Amino acid sequence: MSDEKSMDLNDIPILLRRRIEAMMLKHVLDVITERSGREEAEAVIGAACSKSAIEQGQMLAEELGHAPDLTDFAAIQPAWTREDALRIETVEMSEEKMDFNVVKCRYAEMYQEMGLGDIGHLLSCNRDGDFCIGYNPEIEMTRTQTIMKGASHCDFRYRMKKEA
């Protein structure tokens, strides 16, 4: 028997993980489309990716052992930018705000190359806000545009929700 260590998902770049997921989800999309139509196929893919993003957020929050704030969130940002997956221009970073623009997105490029550009928002973009639900529902994300949908950049704006 060999001495095998269990692989930590954090060892695999997120861009590669999304490629592997997309390779499988493309077939799932095709099968559901054949059986139930494109609208249902996209709804299922979107729901599955949402559930996955929330779960990943919860797992990362549990590793911290406290309710994450924007400082913690900024500390994990390199996981998404690894291997030049995203090129980011910072607008403002503080304990209350985390504002940045993504000016290059290899995720969008990859989905286009795979013939999945029309559902790239389901595979990646929609995960961003859902991740916050699992990571810390007190973190609020606003974004008005994405490269995936044809904009020049993605405008990410994160805030800690204010107490009532």
C-alpha atoms as a PDB file:
ATOM      1  CA  MET A   1       0.000   0.000   0.000  1.00  0.00           C
ATOM      2  CA  SER A   2       1.201   3.432  -0.803  1.00  0.00           C
ATOM      3  CA  ASP A   3       1.040   6.249   1.691  1.00  0.00           C
ATOM      4  CA  GLU A   4      -1.651   8.452   0.123  1.00  0.00           C
ATOM      5  CA  LYS A   5      -2.551  11.869   1.436  1.00  0.00           C
ATOM      6  CA  SER A   6      -6.049  13.055   0.800  1.00  0.00           C
ATOM      7  CA  MET A   7      -5.965  15.855  -1.728  1.00  0.00           C
ATOM      8  CA  ASP A   8      -7.088  19.233  -0.520  1.00  0.00           C
ATOM      9  CA  LEU A   9      -9.266  20.998  -3.092  1.00  0.00           C
ATOM     10  CA  ASN A  10      -7.305  24.157  -2.327  1.00  0.00           C
ATOM     11  CA  ASP A  11      -4.307  22.496  -4.016  1.00  0.00           C
ATOM     12  CA  ILE A  12      -6.148  22.598  -7.344  1.00  0.00           C
ATOM     13  CA  PRO A  13      -6.384  26.051  -8.951  1.00  0.00           C
ATOM     14  CA  ILE A  14     -10.010  27.222  -9.154  1.00  0.00           C
ATOM     15  CA  LEU A  15      -9.680  27.860 -12.891  1.00  0.00           C
ATOM     16  CA  LEU A  16      -8.799  24.179 -13.412  1.00  0.00           C
ATOM     17  CA  ARG A  17     -11.603  23.070 -11.083  1.00  0.00           C
ATOM     18  CA  ARG A  18     -14.104  25.123 -13.092  1.00  0.00           C
ATOM     19  CA  ARG A  19     -12.817  23.591 -16.340  1.00  0.00           C
ATOM     20  CA  ILE A  20     -13.265  20.059 -15.004  1.00  0.00           C
ATOM     21  CA  GLU A  21     -16.719  20.893 -13.642  1.00  0.00           C
ATOM     22  CA  ALA A  22     -17.727  22.504 -16.958  1.00  0.00           C
ATOM     23  CA  MET A  23     -16.596  19.463 -18.950  1.00  0.00           C
ATOM     24  CA  MET A  24     -19.061  17.325 -16.990  1.00  0.00           C
ATOM     25  CA  LEU A  25     -21.804  19.921 -16.685  1.00  0.00           C
ATOM     26  CA  LYS A  26     -21.817  20.370 -20.482  1.00  0.00           C
ATOM     27  CA  HIS A  27     -23.056  16.796 -20.793  1.00  0.00           C
ATOM     28  CA  VAL A  28     -25.550  17.252 -17.975  1.00  0.00           C
ATOM     29  CA  LEU A  29     -26.846  20.366 -19.762  1.00  0.00           C
ATOM     30  CA  ASP A  30     -27.224  18.424 -23.017  1.00  0.00           C
ATOM     31  CA  VAL A  31     -29.074  15.504 -21.380  1.00  0.00           C
ATOM     32  CA  ILE A  32     -31.483  17.701 -19.439  1.00  0.00           C
ATOM     33  CA  THR A  33     -32.060  19.846 -22.554  1.00  0.00           C
ATOM     34  CA  GLU A  34     -32.982  16.716 -24.532  1.00  0.00           C
ATOM     35  CA  ARG A  35     -35.333  15.482 -21.816  1.00  0.00           C
ATOM     36  CA  SER A  36     -36.884  18.642 -20.414  1.00  0.00           C
ATOM     37  CA  GLY A  37     -35.836  21.622 -22.518  1.00  0.00           C
ATOM     38  CA  ARG A  38     -33.155  24.253 -22.345  1.00  0.00           C
ATOM     39  CA  GLU A  39     -34.877  26.409 -19.718  1.00  0.00           C
ATOM     40  CA  GLU A  40     -35.048  23.504 -17.254  1.00  0.00           C
ATOM     41  CA  ALA A  41     -31.466  22.488 -18.056  1.00  0.00           C
ATOM     42  CA  GLU A  42     -30.163  25.964 -17.254  1.00  0.00           C
ATOM     43  CA  ALA A  43     -32.279  26.114 -14.078  1.00  0.00           C
ATOM     44  CA  VAL A  44     -30.799  22.816 -12.854  1.00  0.00           C
ATOM     45  CA  ILE A  45     -27.215  23.804 -13.707  1.00  0.00           C
ATOM     46  CA  GLY A  46     -27.699  27.184 -12.028  1.00  0.00           C
ATOM     47  CA  ALA A  47     -29.175  25.620  -8.882  1.00  0.00           C
ATOM     48  CA  ALA A  48     -26.387  23.029  -8.662  1.00  0.00           C
ATOM     49  CA  CYS A  49     -23.651  25.668  -9.036  1.00  0.00           C
ATOM     50  CA  SER A  50     -25.386  27.884  -6.470  1.00  0.00           C
ATOM     51  CA  LYS A  51     -25.570  25.040  -3.961  1.00  0.00           C
ATOM     52  CA  SER A  52     -21.898  24.250  -4.548  1.00  0.00           C
ATOM     53  CA  ALA A  53     -20.852  27.894  -4.042  1.00  0.00           C
ATOM     54  CA  ILE A  54     -22.773  28.176  -0.761  1.00  0.00           C
ATOM     55  CA  GLU A  55     -21.206  24.938   0.477  1.00  0.00           C
ATOM     56  CA  GLN A  56     -17.700  26.108  -0.451  1.00  0.00           C
ATOM     57  CA  GLY A  57     -18.292  29.383   1.380  1.00  0.00           C
ATOM     58  CA  GLN A  58     -19.436  27.489   4.480  1.00  0.00           C
ATOM     59  CA  MET A  59     -16.385  25.218   4.397  1.00  0.00           C
ATOM     60  CA  LEU A  60     -13.971  28.159   4.178  1.00  0.00           C
ATOM     61  CA  ALA A  61     -15.780  29.986   6.986  1.00  0.00           C
ATOM     62  CA  GLU A  62     -15.605  26.882   9.200  1.00  0.00           C
ATOM     63  CA  GLU A  63     -11.848  26.686   8.643  1.00  0.00           C
ATOM     64  CA  LEU A  64     -11.535  30.228  10.030  1.00  0.00           C
ATOM     65  CA  GLY A  65     -13.441  29.446  13.193  1.00  0.00           C
ATOM     66  CA  HIS A  66     -15.117  32.875  13.308  1.00  0.00           C
ATOM     67  CA  ALA A  67     -17.564  34.854  11.209  1.00  0.00           C
ATOM     68  CA  PRO A  68     -15.474  36.118   8.292  1.00  0.00           C
ATOM     69  CA  ASP A  69     -15.291  39.819   7.546  1.00  0.00           C
ATOM     70  CA  LEU A  70     -14.036  41.664   4.465  1.00  0.00           C
ATOM     71  CA  THR A  71     -10.434  41.406   5.668  1.00  0.00           C
ATOM     72  CA  ASP A  72     -10.775  37.610   5.717  1.00  0.00           C
ATOM     73  CA  PHE A  73     -12.492  37.730   2.342  1.00  0.00           C
ATOM     74  CA  ALA A  74      -9.661  39.786   0.838  1.00  0.00           C
ATOM     75  CA  ALA A  75      -7.174  37.245   2.202  1.00  0.00           C
ATOM     76  CA  ILE A  76      -8.748  34.418   0.157  1.00  0.00           C
ATOM     77  CA  GLN A  77      -9.014  36.449  -3.045  1.00  0.00           C
ATOM     78  CA  PRO A  78      -5.693  35.062  -4.385  1.00  0.00           C
ATOM     79  CA  ALA A  79      -7.380  31.659  -4.734  1.00  0.00           C
ATOM     80  CA  TRP A  80      -9.582  33.089  -7.507  1.00  0.00           C
ATOM     81  CA  THR A  81      -6.805  35.095  -9.183  1.00  0.00           C
ATOM     82  CA  ARG A  82      -4.256  32.251  -9.085  1.00  0.00           C
ATOM     83  CA  GLU A  83      -2.493  31.574 -12.387  1.00  0.00           C
ATOM     84  CA  ASP A  84      -3.669  34.944 -13.729  1.00  0.00           C
ATOM     85  CA  ALA A  85      -7.270  33.656 -13.772  1.00  0.00           C
ATOM     86  CA  LEU A  86      -8.502  37.169 -13.007  1.00  0.00           C
ATOM     87  CA  ARG A  87      -6.794  40.492 -13.428  1.00  0.00           C
ATOM     88  CA  ILE A  88      -8.077  42.892 -10.800  1.00  0.00           C
ATOM     89  CA  GLU A  89      -7.884  46.647 -10.364  1.00  0.00           C
ATOM     90  CA  THR A  90      -8.552  47.716  -6.799  1.00  0.00           C
ATOM     91  CA  VAL A  91     -10.925  50.627  -6.339  1.00  0.00           C
ATOM     92  CA  GLU A  92     -11.099  50.716  -2.530  1.00  0.00           C
ATOM     93  CA  MET A  93     -10.230  48.272   0.236  1.00  0.00           C
ATOM     94  CA  SER A  94     -11.108  48.841   3.878  1.00  0.00           C
ATOM     95  CA  GLU A  95     -12.803  47.041   6.726  1.00  0.00           C
ATOM     96  CA  GLU A  96     -16.163  48.357   5.469  1.00  0.00           C
ATOM     97  CA  LYS A  97     -15.647  48.148   1.700  1.00  0.00           C
ATOM     98  CA  MET A  98     -14.039  45.867  -0.804  1.00  0.00           C
ATOM     99  CA  ASP A  99     -14.412  47.386  -4.265  1.00  0.00           C
ATOM    100  CA  PHE A 100     -12.571  46.159  -7.307  1.00  0.00           C
ATOM    101  CA  ASN A 101     -12.974  45.686 -11.025  1.00  0.00           C
ATOM    102  CA  VAL A 102     -12.050  42.541 -12.894  1.00  0.00           C
ATOM    103  CA  VAL A 103     -10.513  43.714 -16.163  1.00  0.00           C
ATOM    104  CA  LYS A 104      -9.473  40.312 -17.503  1.00  0.00           C
ATOM    105  CA  CYS A 105     -11.330  37.055 -16.877  1.00  0.00           C
ATOM    106  CA  ARG A 106      -9.812  33.784 -18.019  1.00  0.00           C
ATOM    107  CA  TYR A 107     -12.952  32.025 -16.749  1.00  0.00           C
ATOM    108  CA  ALA A 108     -14.984  33.810 -19.449  1.00  0.00           C
ATOM    109  CA  GLU A 109     -12.317  33.043 -22.055  1.00  0.00           C
ATOM    110  CA  MET A 110     -12.253  29.377 -21.049  1.00  0.00           C
ATOM    111  CA  TYR A 111     -16.036  28.956 -21.251  1.00  0.00           C
ATOM    112  CA  GLN A 112     -16.059  30.620 -24.683  1.00  0.00           C
ATOM    113  CA  GLU A 113     -13.342  28.225 -25.879  1.00  0.00           C
ATOM    114  CA  MET A 114     -15.373  25.281 -24.516  1.00  0.00           C
ATOM    115  CA  GLY A 115     -18.522  26.446 -26.327  1.00  0.00           C
ATOM    116  CA  LEU A 116     -20.178  27.262 -22.996  1.00  0.00           C
ATOM    117  CA  GLY A 117     -20.021  31.049 -23.073  1.00  0.00           C
ATOM    118  CA  ASP A 118     -23.801  31.292 -23.059  1.00  0.00           C
ATOM    119  CA  ILE A 119     -23.967  29.599 -19.632  1.00  0.00           C
ATOM    120  CA  GLY A 120     -20.695  30.890 -18.178  1.00  0.00           C
ATOM    121  CA  HIS A 121     -22.677  33.132 -15.847  1.00  0.00           C
ATOM    122  CA  LEU A 122     -24.296  30.012 -14.359  1.00  0.00           C
ATOM    123  CA  LEU A 123     -20.977  28.179 -14.041  1.00  0.00           C
ATOM    124  CA  SER A 124     -19.009  31.037 -12.460  1.00  0.00           C
ATOM    125  CA  CYS A 125     -20.491  34.540 -12.177  1.00  0.00           C
ATOM    126  CA  ASN A 126     -23.620  33.587 -10.251  1.00  0.00           C
ATOM    127  CA  ARG A 127     -21.456  31.743  -7.752  1.00  0.00           C
ATOM    128  CA  ASP A 128     -19.945  34.997  -6.464  1.00  0.00           C
ATOM    129  CA  GLY A 129     -22.963  36.228  -4.518  1.00  0.00           C
ATOM    130  CA  ASP A 130     -23.946  32.686  -3.509  1.00  0.00           C
ATOM    131  CA  PHE A 131     -20.492  32.115  -2.039  1.00  0.00           C
ATOM    132  CA  CYS A 132     -21.154  35.021   0.361  1.00  0.00           C
ATOM    133  CA  ILE A 133     -24.345  33.333   1.596  1.00  0.00           C
ATOM    134  CA  GLY A 134     -22.273  30.418   2.854  1.00  0.00           C
ATOM    135  CA  TYR A 135     -19.160  32.368   3.824  1.00  0.00           C
ATOM    136  CA  ASN A 136     -20.935  35.086   5.771  1.00  0.00           C
ATOM    137  CA  PRO A 137     -24.469  36.196   4.902  1.00  0.00           C
ATOM    138  CA  GLU A 138     -23.600  39.596   6.403  1.00  0.00           C
ATOM    139  CA  ILE A 139     -21.341  40.235   3.398  1.00  0.00           C
ATOM    140  CA  GLU A 140     -23.324  41.822   0.604  1.00  0.00           C
ATOM    141  CA  MET A 141     -22.135  41.783  -2.992  1.00  0.00           C
ATOM    142  CA  THR A 142     -23.304  44.133  -5.721  1.00  0.00           C
ATOM    143  CA  ARG A 143     -22.272  43.832  -9.346  1.00  0.00           C
ATOM    144  CA  THR A 144     -23.918  45.569 -12.278  1.00  0.00           C
ATOM    145  CA  GLN A 145     -21.950  44.086 -15.174  1.00  0.00           C
ATOM    146  CA  THR A 146     -19.675  41.212 -16.127  1.00  0.00           C
ATOM    147  CA  ILE A 147     -17.159  40.423 -18.821  1.00  0.00           C
ATOM    148  CA  MET A 148     -19.020  37.111 -19.233  1.00  0.00           C
ATOM    149  CA  LYS A 149     -22.079  39.069 -20.429  1.00  0.00           C
ATOM    150  CA  GLY A 150     -20.037  41.329 -22.724  1.00  0.00           C
ATOM    151  CA  ALA A 151     -19.025  44.263 -20.496  1.00  0.00           C
ATOM    152  CA  SER A 152     -15.509  45.712 -20.507  1.00  0.00           C
ATOM    153  CA  HIS A 153     -15.069  44.735 -16.857  1.00  0.00           C
ATOM    154  CA  CYS A 154     -16.857  43.237 -13.849  1.00  0.00           C
ATOM    155  CA  ASP A 155     -17.598  45.714 -11.061  1.00  0.00           C
ATOM    156  CA  PHE A 156     -17.485  43.947  -7.699  1.00  0.00           C
ATOM    157  CA  ARG A 157     -18.658  45.891  -4.646  1.00  0.00           C
ATOM    158  CA  TYR A 158     -18.725  44.180  -1.255  1.00  0.00           C
ATOM    159  CA  ARG A 159     -20.093  45.634   1.982  1.00  0.00           C
ATOM    160  CA  MET A 160     -20.769  44.391   5.458  1.00  0.00           C
ATOM    161  CA  LYS A 161     -24.508  44.718   6.081  1.00  0.00           C
ATOM    162  CA  LYS A 162     -25.355  47.455   8.529  1.00  0.00           C
ATOM    163  CA  GLU A 163     -27.087  46.545  11.777  1.00  0.00           C
ATOM    164  CA  ALA A 164     -30.682  47.768  11.856  1.00  0.00           C
END
